Amino acid sequence: MGKQLLRSGTSILANYVEANSASSKKDFINFFTHSLKSANESKVWISLMKDTGRGNTNELEWLMAELIEISNILASSMPNYER
């Protein structure tokens, strides 16, 4: 779980940075969407760690609160587009 959390957690920033240097609107939206998905995936791993008693509960709760805030920021910043 820790390795999965590390992977998804670092993916949030990596995809956000890629979005900001995207070559087209489509690429921007794609990277931005992946950043949000990675934030949501990270919340799953934090929940599983908490539910299975792995890790410090206070730290996991703090991380979850941060991920919720990051997800909300990303979701509200997502450009409107039609699929």
PDB file of N, CA and C in Angstrom:
ATOM      1  N   MET A   1       0.819  -1.189   0.000  1.00  0.00           N
ATOM      2  CA  MET A   1       0.000   0.000   0.000  1.00  0.00           C
ATOM      3  C   MET A   1       0.867   1.258   0.000  1.00  0.00           C
ATOM      4  N   GLY A   2       1.942   1.210   0.758  1.00  0.00           N
ATOM      5  CA  GLY A   2       2.815   2.375   0.829  1.00  0.00           C
ATOM      6  C   GLY A   2       3.418   2.728  -0.518  1.00  0.00           C
ATOM      7  N   LYS A   3       3.837   1.702  -1.266  1.00  0.00           N
ATOM      8  CA  LYS A   3       4.412   1.945  -2.591  1.00  0.00           C
ATOM      9  C   LYS A   3       3.362   2.488  -3.553  1.00  0.00           C
ATOM     10  N   GLN A   4       2.148   1.972  -3.459  1.00  0.00           N
ATOM     11  CA  GLN A   4       1.067   2.467  -4.312  1.00  0.00           C
ATOM     12  C   GLN A   4       0.742   3.918  -3.976  1.00  0.00           C
ATOM     13  N   LEU A   5       0.732   4.238  -2.691  1.00  0.00           N
ATOM     14  CA  LEU A   5       0.474   5.614  -2.265  1.00  0.00           C
ATOM     15  C   LEU A   5       1.580   6.544  -2.751  1.00  0.00           C
ATOM     16  N   LEU A   6       2.811   6.093  -2.659  1.00  0.00           N
ATOM     17  CA  LEU A   6       3.933   6.898  -3.151  1.00  0.00           C
ATOM     18  C   LEU A   6       3.773   7.160  -4.645  1.00  0.00           C
ATOM     19  N   ARG A   7       3.408   6.137  -5.391  1.00  0.00           N
ATOM     20  CA  ARG A   7       3.244   6.273  -6.834  1.00  0.00           C
ATOM     21  C   ARG A   7       2.109   7.233  -7.180  1.00  0.00           C
ATOM     22  N   SER A   8       0.946   7.029  -6.577  1.00  0.00           N
ATOM     23  CA  SER A   8      -0.194   7.889  -6.903  1.00  0.00           C
ATOM     24  C   SER A   8      -0.003   9.304  -6.355  1.00  0.00           C
ATOM     25  N   GLY A   9       0.607   9.403  -5.191  1.00  0.00           N
ATOM     26  CA  GLY A   9       0.823  10.727  -4.598  1.00  0.00           C
ATOM     27  C   GLY A   9       1.773  11.594  -5.401  1.00  0.00           C
ATOM     28  N   THR A  10       2.850  10.989  -5.894  1.00  0.00           N
ATOM     29  CA  THR A  10       3.789  11.769  -6.696  1.00  0.00           C
ATOM     30  C   THR A  10       3.232  12.048  -8.088  1.00  0.00           C
ATOM     31  N   SER A  11       2.316  11.220  -8.528  1.00  0.00           N
ATOM     32  CA  SER A  11       1.693  11.414  -9.838  1.00  0.00           C
ATOM     33  C   SER A  11       0.821  12.677  -9.869  1.00  0.00           C
ATOM     34  N   ILE A  12       0.284  13.058  -8.729  1.00  0.00           N
ATOM     35  CA  ILE A  12      -0.551  14.268  -8.667  1.00  0.00           C
ATOM     36  C   ILE A  12       0.250  15.465  -9.172  1.00  0.00           C
ATOM     37  N   LEU A  13       1.397  15.678  -8.578  1.00  0.00           N
ATOM     38  CA  LEU A  13       2.228  16.819  -8.948  1.00  0.00           C
ATOM     39  C   LEU A  13       2.788  16.674 -10.357  1.00  0.00           C
ATOM     40  N   ALA A  14       3.260  15.479 -10.691  1.00  0.00           N
ATOM     41  CA  ALA A  14       3.858  15.269 -12.012  1.00  0.00           C
ATOM     42  C   ALA A  14       2.864  15.594 -13.125  1.00  0.00           C
ATOM     43  N   ASN A  15       1.638  15.129 -12.995  1.00  0.00           N
ATOM     44  CA  ASN A  15       0.637  15.402 -14.023  1.00  0.00           C
ATOM     45  C   ASN A  15       0.196  16.859 -14.027  1.00  0.00           C
ATOM     46  N   TYR A  16       0.174  17.484 -12.870  1.00  0.00           N
ATOM     47  CA  TYR A  16      -0.164  18.906 -12.796  1.00  0.00           C
ATOM     48  C   TYR A  16       0.893  19.743 -13.523  1.00  0.00           C
ATOM     49  N   VAL A  17       2.160  19.414 -13.290  1.00  0.00           N
ATOM     50  CA  VAL A  17       3.253  20.132 -13.965  1.00  0.00           C
ATOM     51  C   VAL A  17       3.171  19.912 -15.472  1.00  0.00           C
ATOM     52  N   GLU A  18       2.922  18.674 -15.877  1.00  0.00           N
ATOM     53  CA  GLU A  18       2.774  18.386 -17.307  1.00  0.00           C
ATOM     54  C   GLU A  18       1.607  19.157 -17.913  1.00  0.00           C
ATOM     55  N   ALA A  19       0.513  19.273 -17.187  1.00  0.00           N
ATOM     56  CA  ALA A  19      -0.646  20.022 -17.691  1.00  0.00           C
ATOM     57  C   ALA A  19      -0.267  21.471 -17.962  1.00  0.00           C
ATOM     58  N   ASN A  20       0.516  22.039 -17.084  1.00  0.00           N
ATOM     59  CA  ASN A  20       0.878  23.444 -17.245  1.00  0.00           C
ATOM     60  C   ASN A  20       1.866  23.691 -18.373  1.00  0.00           C
ATOM     61  N   SER A  21       2.468  22.631 -18.897  1.00  0.00           N
ATOM     62  CA  SER A  21       3.356  22.803 -20.050  1.00  0.00           C
ATOM     63  C   SER A  21       2.835  22.028 -21.257  1.00  0.00           C
ATOM     64  N   ALA A  22       1.538  21.752 -21.262  1.00  0.00           N
ATOM     65  CA  ALA A  22       0.933  20.992 -22.351  1.00  0.00           C
ATOM     66  C   ALA A  22       0.973  21.782 -23.660  1.00  0.00           C
ATOM     67  N   SER A  23       1.014  21.042 -24.745  1.00  0.00           N
ATOM     68  CA  SER A  23       1.106  21.670 -26.061  1.00  0.00           C
ATOM     69  C   SER A  23      -0.258  21.965 -26.682  1.00  0.00           C
ATOM     70  N   SER A  24      -1.320  21.456 -26.078  1.00  0.00           N
ATOM     71  CA  SER A  24      -2.669  21.714 -26.603  1.00  0.00           C
ATOM     72  C   SER A  24      -3.674  21.678 -25.456  1.00  0.00           C
ATOM     73  N   LYS A  25      -4.863  22.191 -25.735  1.00  0.00           N
ATOM     74  CA  LYS A  25      -5.919  22.171 -24.718  1.00  0.00           C
ATOM     75  C   LYS A  25      -6.286  20.728 -24.356  1.00  0.00           C
ATOM     76  N   LYS A  26      -6.299  19.865 -25.365  1.00  0.00           N
ATOM     77  CA  LYS A  26      -6.621  18.457 -25.123  1.00  0.00           C
ATOM     78  C   LYS A  26      -5.591  17.820 -24.185  1.00  0.00           C
ATOM     79  N   ASP A  27      -4.311  18.066 -24.431  1.00  0.00           N
ATOM     80  CA  ASP A  27      -3.263  17.542 -23.545  1.00  0.00           C
ATOM     81  C   ASP A  27      -3.393  18.122 -22.142  1.00  0.00           C
ATOM     82  N   PHE A  28      -3.681  19.419 -22.064  1.00  0.00           N
ATOM     83  CA  PHE A  28      -3.848  20.068 -20.760  1.00  0.00           C
ATOM     84  C   PHE A  28      -4.945  19.372 -19.963  1.00  0.00           C
ATOM     85  N   ILE A  29      -6.084  19.181 -20.580  1.00  0.00           N
ATOM     86  CA  ILE A  29      -7.226  18.547 -19.903  1.00  0.00           C
ATOM     87  C   ILE A  29      -6.880  17.116 -19.514  1.00  0.00           C
ATOM     88  N   ASN A  30      -6.184  16.406 -20.396  1.00  0.00           N
ATOM     89  CA  ASN A  30      -5.796  15.028 -20.114  1.00  0.00           C
ATOM     90  C   ASN A  30      -4.894  14.936 -18.886  1.00  0.00           C
ATOM     91  N   PHE A  31      -3.840  15.745 -18.841  1.00  0.00           N
ATOM     92  CA  PHE A  31      -2.928  15.712 -17.692  1.00  0.00           C
ATOM     93  C   PHE A  31      -3.619  16.183 -16.419  1.00  0.00           C
ATOM     94  N   PHE A  32      -4.456  17.206 -16.528  1.00  0.00           N
ATOM     95  CA  PHE A  32      -5.178  17.721 -15.368  1.00  0.00           C
ATOM     96  C   PHE A  32      -6.106  16.645 -14.812  1.00  0.00           C
ATOM     97  N   THR A  33      -6.782  15.937 -15.711  1.00  0.00           N
ATOM     98  CA  THR A  33      -7.683  14.850 -15.298  1.00  0.00           C
ATOM     99  C   THR A  33      -6.907  13.741 -14.599  1.00  0.00           C
ATOM    100  N   HIS A  34      -5.741  13.395 -15.135  1.00  0.00           N
ATOM    101  CA  HIS A  34      -4.914  12.359 -14.486  1.00  0.00           C
ATOM    102  C   HIS A  34      -4.442  12.808 -13.108  1.00  0.00           C
ATOM    103  N   SER A  35      -4.170  14.084 -12.956  1.00  0.00           N
ATOM    104  CA  SER A  35      -3.766  14.602 -11.651  1.00  0.00           C
ATOM    105  C   SER A  35      -4.894  14.407 -10.636  1.00  0.00           C
ATOM    106  N   LEU A  36      -6.117  14.737 -11.037  1.00  0.00           N
ATOM    107  CA  LEU A  36      -7.274  14.555 -10.148  1.00  0.00           C
ATOM    108  C   LEU A  36      -7.500  13.078  -9.840  1.00  0.00           C
ATOM    109  N   LYS A  37      -7.369  12.224 -10.844  1.00  0.00           N
ATOM    110  CA  LYS A  37      -7.550  10.786 -10.622  1.00  0.00           C
ATOM    111  C   LYS A  37      -6.498  10.241  -9.651  1.00  0.00           C
ATOM    112  N   SER A  38      -5.288  10.734  -9.774  1.00  0.00           N
ATOM    113  CA  SER A  38      -4.225  10.296  -8.861  1.00  0.00           C
ATOM    114  C   SER A  38      -4.510  10.738  -7.432  1.00  0.00           C
ATOM    115  N   ALA A  39      -5.066  11.938  -7.273  1.00  0.00           N
ATOM    116  CA  ALA A  39      -5.441  12.415  -5.938  1.00  0.00           C
ATOM    117  C   ALA A  39      -6.532  11.515  -5.352  1.00  0.00           C
ATOM    118  N   ASN A  40      -7.492  11.158  -6.172  1.00  0.00           N
ATOM    119  CA  ASN A  40      -8.568  10.277  -5.699  1.00  0.00           C
ATOM    120  C   ASN A  40      -8.047   8.880  -5.380  1.00  0.00           C
ATOM    121  N   GLU A  41      -7.120   8.379  -6.188  1.00  0.00           N
ATOM    122  CA  GLU A  41      -6.522   7.072  -5.902  1.00  0.00           C
ATOM    123  C   GLU A  41      -5.743   7.111  -4.591  1.00  0.00           C
ATOM    124  N   SER A  42      -5.051   8.197  -4.353  1.00  0.00           N
ATOM    125  CA  SER A  42      -4.290   8.339  -3.107  1.00  0.00           C
ATOM    126  C   SER A  42      -5.209   8.289  -1.897  1.00  0.00           C
ATOM    127  N   LYS A  43      -6.405   8.849  -2.031  1.00  0.00           N
ATOM    128  CA  LYS A  43      -7.376   8.790  -0.929  1.00  0.00           C
ATOM    129  C   LYS A  43      -7.775   7.351  -0.628  1.00  0.00           C
ATOM    130  N   VAL A  44      -7.866   6.528  -1.660  1.00  0.00           N
ATOM    131  CA  VAL A  44      -8.190   5.109  -1.461  1.00  0.00           C
ATOM    132  C   VAL A  44      -7.096   4.426  -0.643  1.00  0.00           C
ATOM    133  N   TRP A  45      -5.834   4.664  -1.010  1.00  0.00           N
ATOM    134  CA  TRP A  45      -4.726   4.018  -0.306  1.00  0.00           C
ATOM    135  C   TRP A  45      -4.631   4.491   1.135  1.00  0.00           C
ATOM    136  N   ILE A  46      -4.882   5.776   1.364  1.00  0.00           N
ATOM    137  CA  ILE A  46      -4.882   6.303   2.738  1.00  0.00           C
ATOM    138  C   ILE A  46      -5.987   5.632   3.547  1.00  0.00           C
ATOM    139  N   SER A  47      -7.159   5.506   2.953  1.00  0.00           N
ATOM    140  CA  SER A  47      -8.282   4.854   3.649  1.00  0.00           C
ATOM    141  C   SER A  47      -7.952   3.412   3.996  1.00  0.00           C
ATOM    142  N   LEU A  48      -7.363   2.691   3.051  1.00  0.00           N
ATOM    143  CA  LEU A  48      -6.997   1.294   3.306  1.00  0.00           C
ATOM    144  C   LEU A  48      -5.941   1.180   4.394  1.00  0.00           C
ATOM    145  N   MET A  49      -4.977   2.077   4.367  1.00  0.00           N
ATOM    146  CA  MET A  49      -3.945   2.056   5.406  1.00  0.00           C
ATOM    147  C   MET A  49      -4.559   2.316   6.774  1.00  0.00           C
ATOM    148  N   LYS A  50      -5.463   3.278   6.832  1.00  0.00           N
ATOM    149  CA  LYS A  50      -6.120   3.599   8.101  1.00  0.00           C
ATOM    150  C   LYS A  50      -6.975   2.423   8.579  1.00  0.00           C
ATOM    151  N   ASP A  51      -7.758   1.842   7.656  1.00  0.00           N
ATOM    152  CA  ASP A  51      -8.655   0.735   8.015  1.00  0.00           C
ATOM    153  C   ASP A  51      -7.911  -0.523   8.451  1.00  0.00           C
ATOM    154  N   THR A  52      -6.705  -0.714   7.959  1.00  0.00           N
ATOM    155  CA  THR A  52      -5.939  -1.910   8.322  1.00  0.00           C
ATOM    156  C   THR A  52      -4.930  -1.646   9.437  1.00  0.00           C
ATOM    157  N   GLY A  53      -4.950  -0.442   9.987  1.00  0.00           N
ATOM    158  CA  GLY A  53      -4.093  -0.121  11.115  1.00  0.00           C
ATOM    159  C   GLY A  53      -2.630   0.068  10.754  1.00  0.00           C
ATOM    160  N   ARG A  54      -2.365   0.410   9.518  1.00  0.00           N
ATOM    161  CA  ARG A  54      -0.977   0.642   9.084  1.00  0.00           C
ATOM    162  C   ARG A  54      -0.712   2.130   9.054  1.00  0.00           C
ATOM    163  N   GLY A  55       0.288   2.549   9.762  1.00  0.00           N
ATOM    164  CA  GLY A  55       0.631   3.966   9.790  1.00  0.00           C
ATOM    165  C   GLY A  55       0.039   4.667  10.992  1.00  0.00           C
ATOM    166  N   ASN A  56       0.519   5.852  11.217  1.00  0.00           N
ATOM    167  CA  ASN A  56       0.065   6.681  12.325  1.00  0.00           C
ATOM    168  C   ASN A  56      -1.297   7.293  11.985  1.00  0.00           C
ATOM    169  N   THR A  57      -2.287   7.042  12.816  1.00  0.00           N
ATOM    170  CA  THR A  57      -3.643   7.497  12.545  1.00  0.00           C
ATOM    171  C   THR A  57      -3.718   9.009  12.366  1.00  0.00           C
ATOM    172  N   ASN A  58      -3.042   9.763  13.218  1.00  0.00           N
ATOM    173  CA  ASN A  58      -3.077  11.225  13.105  1.00  0.00           C
ATOM    174  C   ASN A  58      -2.477  11.691  11.785  1.00  0.00           C
ATOM    175  N   GLU A  59      -1.378  11.090  11.385  1.00  0.00           N
ATOM    176  CA  GLU A  59      -0.744  11.461  10.118  1.00  0.00           C
ATOM    177  C   GLU A  59      -1.625  11.084   8.927  1.00  0.00           C
ATOM    178  N   LEU A  60      -2.249   9.906   8.993  1.00  0.00           N
ATOM    179  CA  LEU A  60      -3.130   9.479   7.908  1.00  0.00           C
ATOM    180  C   LEU A  60      -4.350  10.389   7.797  1.00  0.00           C
ATOM    181  N   GLU A  61      -4.891  10.796   8.933  1.00  0.00           N
ATOM    182  CA  GLU A  61      -6.031  11.725   8.909  1.00  0.00           C
ATOM    183  C   GLU A  61      -5.622  13.075   8.332  1.00  0.00           C
ATOM    184  N   TRP A  62      -4.421  13.540   8.689  1.00  0.00           N
ATOM    185  CA  TRP A  62      -3.926  14.804   8.147  1.00  0.00           C
ATOM    186  C   TRP A  62      -3.727  14.688   6.633  1.00  0.00           C
ATOM    187  N   LEU A  63      -3.121  13.571   6.199  1.00  0.00           N
ATOM    188  CA  LEU A  63      -2.922  13.357   4.773  1.00  0.00           C
ATOM    189  C   LEU A  63      -4.250  13.300   4.019  1.00  0.00           C
ATOM    190  N   MET A  64      -5.232  12.644   4.606  1.00  0.00           N
ATOM    191  CA  MET A  64      -6.545  12.554   3.962  1.00  0.00           C
ATOM    192  C   MET A  64      -7.168  13.936   3.818  1.00  0.00           C
ATOM    193  N   ALA A  65      -7.075  14.744   4.852  1.00  0.00           N
ATOM    194  CA  ALA A  65      -7.621  16.103   4.788  1.00  0.00           C
ATOM    195  C   ALA A  65      -6.926  16.906   3.691  1.00  0.00           C
ATOM    196  N   GLU A  66      -5.614  16.751   3.574  1.00  0.00           N
ATOM    197  CA  GLU A  66      -4.863  17.449   2.523  1.00  0.00           C
ATOM    198  C   GLU A  66      -5.284  16.959   1.138  1.00  0.00           C
ATOM    199  N   LEU A  67      -5.452  15.652   0.986  1.00  0.00           N
ATOM    200  CA  LEU A  67      -5.860  15.097  -0.303  1.00  0.00           C
ATOM    201  C   LEU A  67      -7.259  15.542  -0.691  1.00  0.00           C
ATOM    202  N   ILE A  68      -8.152  15.629   0.270  1.00  0.00           N
ATOM    203  CA  ILE A  68      -9.499  16.122  -0.011  1.00  0.00           C
ATOM    204  C   ILE A  68      -9.432  17.562  -0.506  1.00  0.00           C
ATOM    205  N   GLU A  69      -8.618  18.362   0.150  1.00  0.00           N
ATOM    206  CA  GLU A  69      -8.470  19.760  -0.264  1.00  0.00           C
ATOM    207  C   GLU A  69      -7.850  19.854  -1.661  1.00  0.00           C
ATOM    208  N   ILE A  70      -6.818  19.076  -1.912  1.00  0.00           N
ATOM    209  CA  ILE A  70      -6.183  19.069  -3.238  1.00  0.00           C
ATOM    210  C   ILE A  70      -7.181  18.624  -4.301  1.00  0.00           C
ATOM    211  N   SER A  71      -7.938  17.566  -4.017  1.00  0.00           N
ATOM    212  CA  SER A  71      -8.940  17.083  -4.972  1.00  0.00           C
ATOM    213  C   SER A  71      -9.992  18.149  -5.260  1.00  0.00           C
ATOM    214  N   ASN A  72     -10.439  18.820  -4.218  1.00  0.00           N
ATOM    215  CA  ASN A  72     -11.442  19.870  -4.411  1.00  0.00           C
ATOM    216  C   ASN A  72     -10.894  21.018  -5.249  1.00  0.00           C
ATOM    217  N   ILE A  73      -9.645  21.389  -5.005  1.00  0.00           N
ATOM    218  CA  ILE A  73      -9.023  22.467  -5.778  1.00  0.00           C
ATOM    219  C   ILE A  73      -8.894  22.051  -7.240  1.00  0.00           C
ATOM    220  N   LEU A  74      -8.394  20.836  -7.464  1.00  0.00           N
ATOM    221  CA  LEU A  74      -8.250  20.362  -8.839  1.00  0.00           C
ATOM    222  C   LEU A  74      -9.595  20.267  -9.541  1.00  0.00           C
ATOM    223  N   ALA A  75     -10.597  19.721  -8.861  1.00  0.00           N
ATOM    224  CA  ALA A  75     -11.919  19.569  -9.476  1.00  0.00           C
ATOM    225  C   ALA A  75     -12.554  20.918  -9.810  1.00  0.00           C
ATOM    226  N   SER A  76     -12.395  21.889  -8.912  1.00  0.00           N
ATOM    227  CA  SER A  76     -12.999  23.195  -9.177  1.00  0.00           C
ATOM    228  C   SER A  76     -12.207  23.984 -10.221  1.00  0.00           C
ATOM    229  N   SER A  77     -10.965  23.607 -10.433  1.00  0.00           N
ATOM    230  CA  SER A  77     -10.116  24.284 -11.435  1.00  0.00           C
ATOM    231  C   SER A  77     -10.184  23.600 -12.787  1.00  0.00           C
ATOM    232  N   MET A  78     -10.834  22.440 -12.845  1.00  0.00           N
ATOM    233  CA  MET A  78     -10.901  21.683 -14.094  1.00  0.00           C
ATOM    234  C   MET A  78     -11.622  22.517 -15.153  1.00  0.00           C
ATOM    235  N   PRO A  79     -10.984  22.663 -16.284  1.00  0.00           N
ATOM    236  CA  PRO A  79     -11.639  23.432 -17.356  1.00  0.00           C
ATOM    237  C   PRO A  79     -12.910  22.730 -17.808  1.00  0.00           C
ATOM    238  N   ASN A  80     -13.919  23.509 -18.100  1.00  0.00           N
ATOM    239  CA  ASN A  80     -15.161  22.931 -18.611  1.00  0.00           C
ATOM    240  C   ASN A  80     -14.941  22.512 -20.061  1.00  0.00           C
ATOM    241  N   TYR A  81     -15.373  21.314 -20.369  1.00  0.00           N
ATOM    242  CA  TYR A  81     -15.255  20.828 -21.728  1.00  0.00           C
ATOM    243  C   TYR A  81     -16.322  19.788 -21.976  1.00  0.00           C
ATOM    244  N   GLU A  82     -16.655  19.586 -23.229  1.00  0.00           N
ATOM    245  CA  GLU A  82     -17.616  18.555 -23.594  1.00  0.00           C
ATOM    246  C   GLU A  82     -16.872  17.342 -24.101  1.00  0.00           C
ATOM    247  N   ARG A  83     -17.337  16.180 -23.694  1.00  0.00           N
ATOM    248  CA  ARG A  83     -16.695  14.939 -24.146  1.00  0.00           C
ATOM    249  C   ARG A  83     -17.280  14.516 -25.461  1.00  0.00           C
TER     250      ARG A  83
END
